[in-house]
Amino acid sequence: MAHAQWLLELVLILLLAATLFHAMRLERALGVLKRDRAVLEELVAGFNESTRQAESGIERLRSAADGAGRQIGKQIEQAQLLHDELDFLADRSDKLAQRLESAIRNARMLQDAQPLSASVPAAPAAGAGAPAAVPFARPEPRLGPQAQPAGNDDAADDMTQLRSQAERDLLRALRAGR
């Protein structure tokens, strides 16, 4: 029986050695895991900080984009107003150019129809009933009520009696532009 006891103790020693060997391997693995856990916690903390910075940057970017969007909207509104104003001015200038062109055409037709002579005819005797001729006066075209001057603008309108309708329209447009 002594042999059996020795044999049993020898088996126990071998089992304890194997257990000790496995315990040491497990301790090393747990040490590596603890080290890796600390590194993993640092990585998670760094990731959280990066996420917060990214969110903060996104908010700043969003507010900057909103401000830029509002500014662009204002500029678009101003550009639209200027576009509308330029359209209005272009329409007015086209209408004025058409009126001037029509007045010039009519004046030329009247000049071609009634050419002025180089010599001034003698004025008829008083009481003859004919109006006195104005030397070198241009004939006054009759263009209708829209082309007639609208009232007396100022003292310079007295001179417009000798000018054609186109010249009067041009002078009126120039005065309105001041």
Protein backbone atom coordinates (compact mmCIF):
# COMPACT_ATOMS: atom_id res chain seq x y z
CA MET A 1 0.00 0.00 0.00
CA ALA A 2 2.82 2.25 0.38
CA HIS A 3 3.44 2.01 -3.25
CA ALA A 4 -0.06 3.01 -4.06
CA GLN A 5 0.22 5.98 -1.79
CA TRP A 6 3.43 7.07 -3.47
CA LEU A 7 1.87 6.58 -6.84
CA LEU A 8 -1.15 8.61 -5.81
CA GLU A 9 1.09 11.45 -4.51
CA LEU A 10 3.13 11.38 -7.71
CA VAL A 11 -0.08 11.72 -9.81
CA LEU A 12 -1.16 14.58 -7.55
CA ILE A 13 2.21 16.31 -7.99
CA LEU A 14 1.93 15.97 -11.79
CA LEU A 15 -1.59 17.34 -11.72
CA LEU A 16 -0.49 20.23 -9.50
CA ALA A 17 2.41 20.98 -11.89
CA ALA A 18 0.05 20.98 -14.85
CA THR A 19 -2.37 23.21 -12.95
CA LEU A 20 0.47 25.56 -12.01
CA PHE A 21 1.59 25.70 -15.65
CA HIS A 22 -1.93 26.52 -16.86
CA ALA A 23 -2.39 29.11 -14.07
CA MET A 24 0.80 30.90 -15.18
CA ARG A 25 -0.38 30.92 -18.82
CA LEU A 26 -3.77 32.25 -17.71
CA GLU A 27 -2.09 34.97 -15.62
CA ARG A 28 -0.04 36.11 -18.63
CA ALA A 29 -3.14 36.15 -20.81
CA LEU A 30 -5.03 38.18 -18.18
CA GLY A 31 -2.08 40.62 -17.96
CA VAL A 32 -2.15 41.10 -21.72
CA LEU A 33 -5.92 41.53 -21.57
CA LYS A 34 -5.57 44.16 -18.79
CA ARG A 35 -2.96 46.01 -20.82
CA ASP A 36 -5.11 45.79 -23.94
CA ARG A 37 -8.12 46.88 -21.93
CA ALA A 38 -6.29 50.02 -20.79
CA VAL A 39 -5.27 50.73 -24.40
CA LEU A 40 -8.85 50.04 -25.51
CA GLU A 41 -10.19 52.45 -22.88
CA GLU A 42 -7.73 55.11 -24.08
CA LEU A 43 -8.86 54.50 -27.66
CA VAL A 44 -12.51 54.79 -26.65
CA ALA A 45 -11.80 58.02 -24.73
CA GLY A 46 -9.89 59.42 -27.74
CA PHE A 47 -12.73 58.40 -30.06
CA ASN A 48 -15.27 60.12 -27.78
CA GLU A 49 -13.17 63.31 -27.76
CA SER A 50 -12.81 63.19 -31.53
CA THR A 51 -16.57 62.72 -31.85
CA ARG A 52 -17.24 65.75 -29.64
CA GLN A 53 -14.79 67.86 -31.66
CA ALA A 54 -16.40 66.71 -34.90
CA GLU A 55 -19.88 67.61 -33.59
CA SER A 56 -18.60 71.01 -32.50
CA GLY A 57 -17.00 71.55 -35.91
CA ILE A 58 -20.21 70.50 -37.63
CA GLU A 59 -22.19 73.03 -35.58
CA ARG A 60 -19.72 75.80 -36.44
CA LEU A 61 -19.83 74.78 -40.09
CA ARG A 62 -23.63 74.71 -40.05
CA SER A 63 -23.85 78.19 -38.51
CA ALA A 64 -21.31 79.52 -41.03
CA ALA A 65 -23.29 77.96 -43.88
CA ASP A 66 -26.52 79.49 -42.55
CA GLY A 67 -24.89 82.92 -42.38
CA ALA A 68 -23.48 82.56 -45.87
CA GLY A 69 -26.87 81.36 -47.13
CA ARG A 70 -28.61 84.39 -45.67
CA GLN A 71 -26.00 86.71 -47.17
CA ILE A 72 -26.33 85.07 -50.58
CA GLY A 73 -30.12 85.36 -50.28
CA LYS A 74 -29.83 89.08 -49.62
CA GLN A 75 -27.49 89.50 -52.58
CA ILE A 76 -29.90 87.56 -54.79
CA GLU A 77 -32.75 89.82 -53.68
CA GLN A 78 -30.67 92.93 -54.45
CA ALA A 79 -29.66 91.49 -57.80
CA GLN A 80 -33.31 90.76 -58.62
CA LEU A 81 -34.28 94.33 -57.73
CA LEU A 82 -31.49 95.68 -59.93
CA HIS A 83 -32.54 93.32 -62.73
CA ASP A 84 -36.12 94.54 -62.50
CA GLU A 85 -34.99 98.16 -62.46
CA LEU A 86 -32.74 97.61 -65.46
CA ASP A 87 -35.60 95.94 -67.32
CA PHE A 88 -37.82 98.91 -66.53
CA LEU A 89 -35.16 101.39 -67.69
CA ALA A 90 -34.52 99.37 -70.85
CA ASP A 91 -38.23 99.35 -71.66
CA ARG A 92 -38.46 103.10 -71.09
CA SER A 93 -35.40 103.75 -73.21
CA ASP A 94 -36.78 101.54 -76.01
CA LYS A 95 -40.08 103.44 -75.96
CA LEU A 96 -38.28 106.78 -75.94
CA ALA A 97 -36.00 105.67 -78.77
CA GLN A 98 -39.04 104.58 -80.77
CA ARG A 99 -40.72 107.94 -80.16
CA LEU A 100 -37.57 109.81 -81.14
CA GLU A 101 -37.10 107.67 -84.24
CA SER A 102 -40.71 108.21 -85.23
CA ALA A 103 -40.43 111.95 -84.64
CA ILE A 104 -37.21 112.16 -86.67
CA ARG A 105 -38.74 110.13 -89.49
CA ASN A 106 -41.81 112.38 -89.53
CA ALA A 107 -39.67 115.51 -89.43
CA ARG A 108 -37.56 114.26 -92.33
CA MET A 109 -40.66 113.42 -94.32
CA LEU A 110 -41.98 116.93 -93.69
CA GLN A 111 -38.62 118.45 -94.65
CA ASP A 112 -38.55 116.39 -97.83
CA ALA A 113 -42.11 117.46 -98.57
CA GLN A 114 -41.44 121.17 -97.87
CA PRO A 115 -37.77 121.94 -98.55
CA LEU A 116 -36.54 125.26 -97.27
CA SER A 117 -35.29 127.58 -99.95
CA ALA A 118 -31.87 129.14 -99.61
CA SER A 119 -33.37 132.55 -100.05
CA VAL A 120 -35.95 133.86 -97.66
CA PRO A 121 -39.10 135.08 -99.40
CA ALA A 122 -40.15 138.63 -98.76
CA ALA A 123 -42.69 139.09 -96.01
CA PRO A 124 -46.16 139.93 -97.26
CA ALA A 125 -47.56 143.30 -96.55
CA ALA A 126 -49.30 143.82 -93.24
CA GLY A 127 -52.92 142.94 -93.29
CA ALA A 128 -52.50 140.48 -96.16
CA GLY A 129 -53.55 137.67 -93.82
CA ALA A 130 -50.49 135.47 -94.35
CA PRO A 131 -48.20 134.71 -91.41
CA ALA A 132 -44.71 136.10 -91.47
CA ALA A 133 -42.09 133.55 -92.58
CA VAL A 134 -39.44 132.65 -90.03
CA PRO A 135 -36.06 132.31 -91.75
CA PHE A 136 -34.48 128.87 -91.44
CA ALA A 137 -37.18 127.61 -89.12
CA ARG A 138 -37.81 123.89 -89.19
CA PRO A 139 -41.33 122.77 -89.82
CA GLU A 140 -43.20 121.59 -86.77
CA PRO A 141 -44.35 117.96 -87.19
CA ARG A 142 -47.79 117.07 -85.93
CA LEU A 143 -47.45 113.68 -84.22
CA GLY A 144 -50.52 113.47 -82.06
CA PRO A 145 -51.23 114.15 -78.41
CA GLN A 146 -48.63 111.73 -76.98
CA ALA A 147 -45.76 113.54 -78.72
CA GLN A 148 -46.87 117.07 -77.82
CA PRO A 149 -45.01 118.71 -74.95
CA ALA A 150 -46.76 118.36 -71.62
CA GLY A 151 -46.83 121.91 -70.34
CA ASN A 152 -44.04 124.45 -69.94
CA ASP A 153 -40.99 122.73 -68.35
CA ASP A 154 -39.00 125.97 -67.89
CA ALA A 155 -37.79 129.03 -69.76
CA ALA A 156 -35.83 126.88 -72.19
CA ASP A 157 -39.12 125.64 -73.63
CA ASP A 158 -39.53 128.99 -75.35
CA MET A 159 -36.66 127.98 -77.61
CA THR A 160 -38.33 124.69 -78.36
CA GLN A 161 -40.84 126.43 -80.61
CA LEU A 162 -38.11 126.50 -83.23
CA ARG A 163 -37.02 122.90 -82.58
CA SER A 164 -38.45 119.68 -83.91
CA GLN A 165 -40.45 117.29 -81.74
CA ALA A 166 -37.49 114.87 -81.61
CA GLU A 167 -35.23 117.58 -80.25
CA ARG A 168 -37.80 118.54 -77.63
CA ASP A 169 -38.20 114.89 -76.57
CA LEU A 170 -34.44 114.49 -76.32
CA LEU A 171 -34.08 117.66 -74.22
CA ARG A 172 -36.94 116.57 -71.96
CA ALA A 173 -35.30 113.14 -71.48
CA LEU A 174 -31.96 114.76 -70.67
CA ARG A 175 -33.58 117.07 -68.10
CA ALA A 176 -35.42 114.14 -66.50
CA GLY A 177 -32.14 112.25 -66.23
CA ARG A 178 -30.52 114.93 -64.05
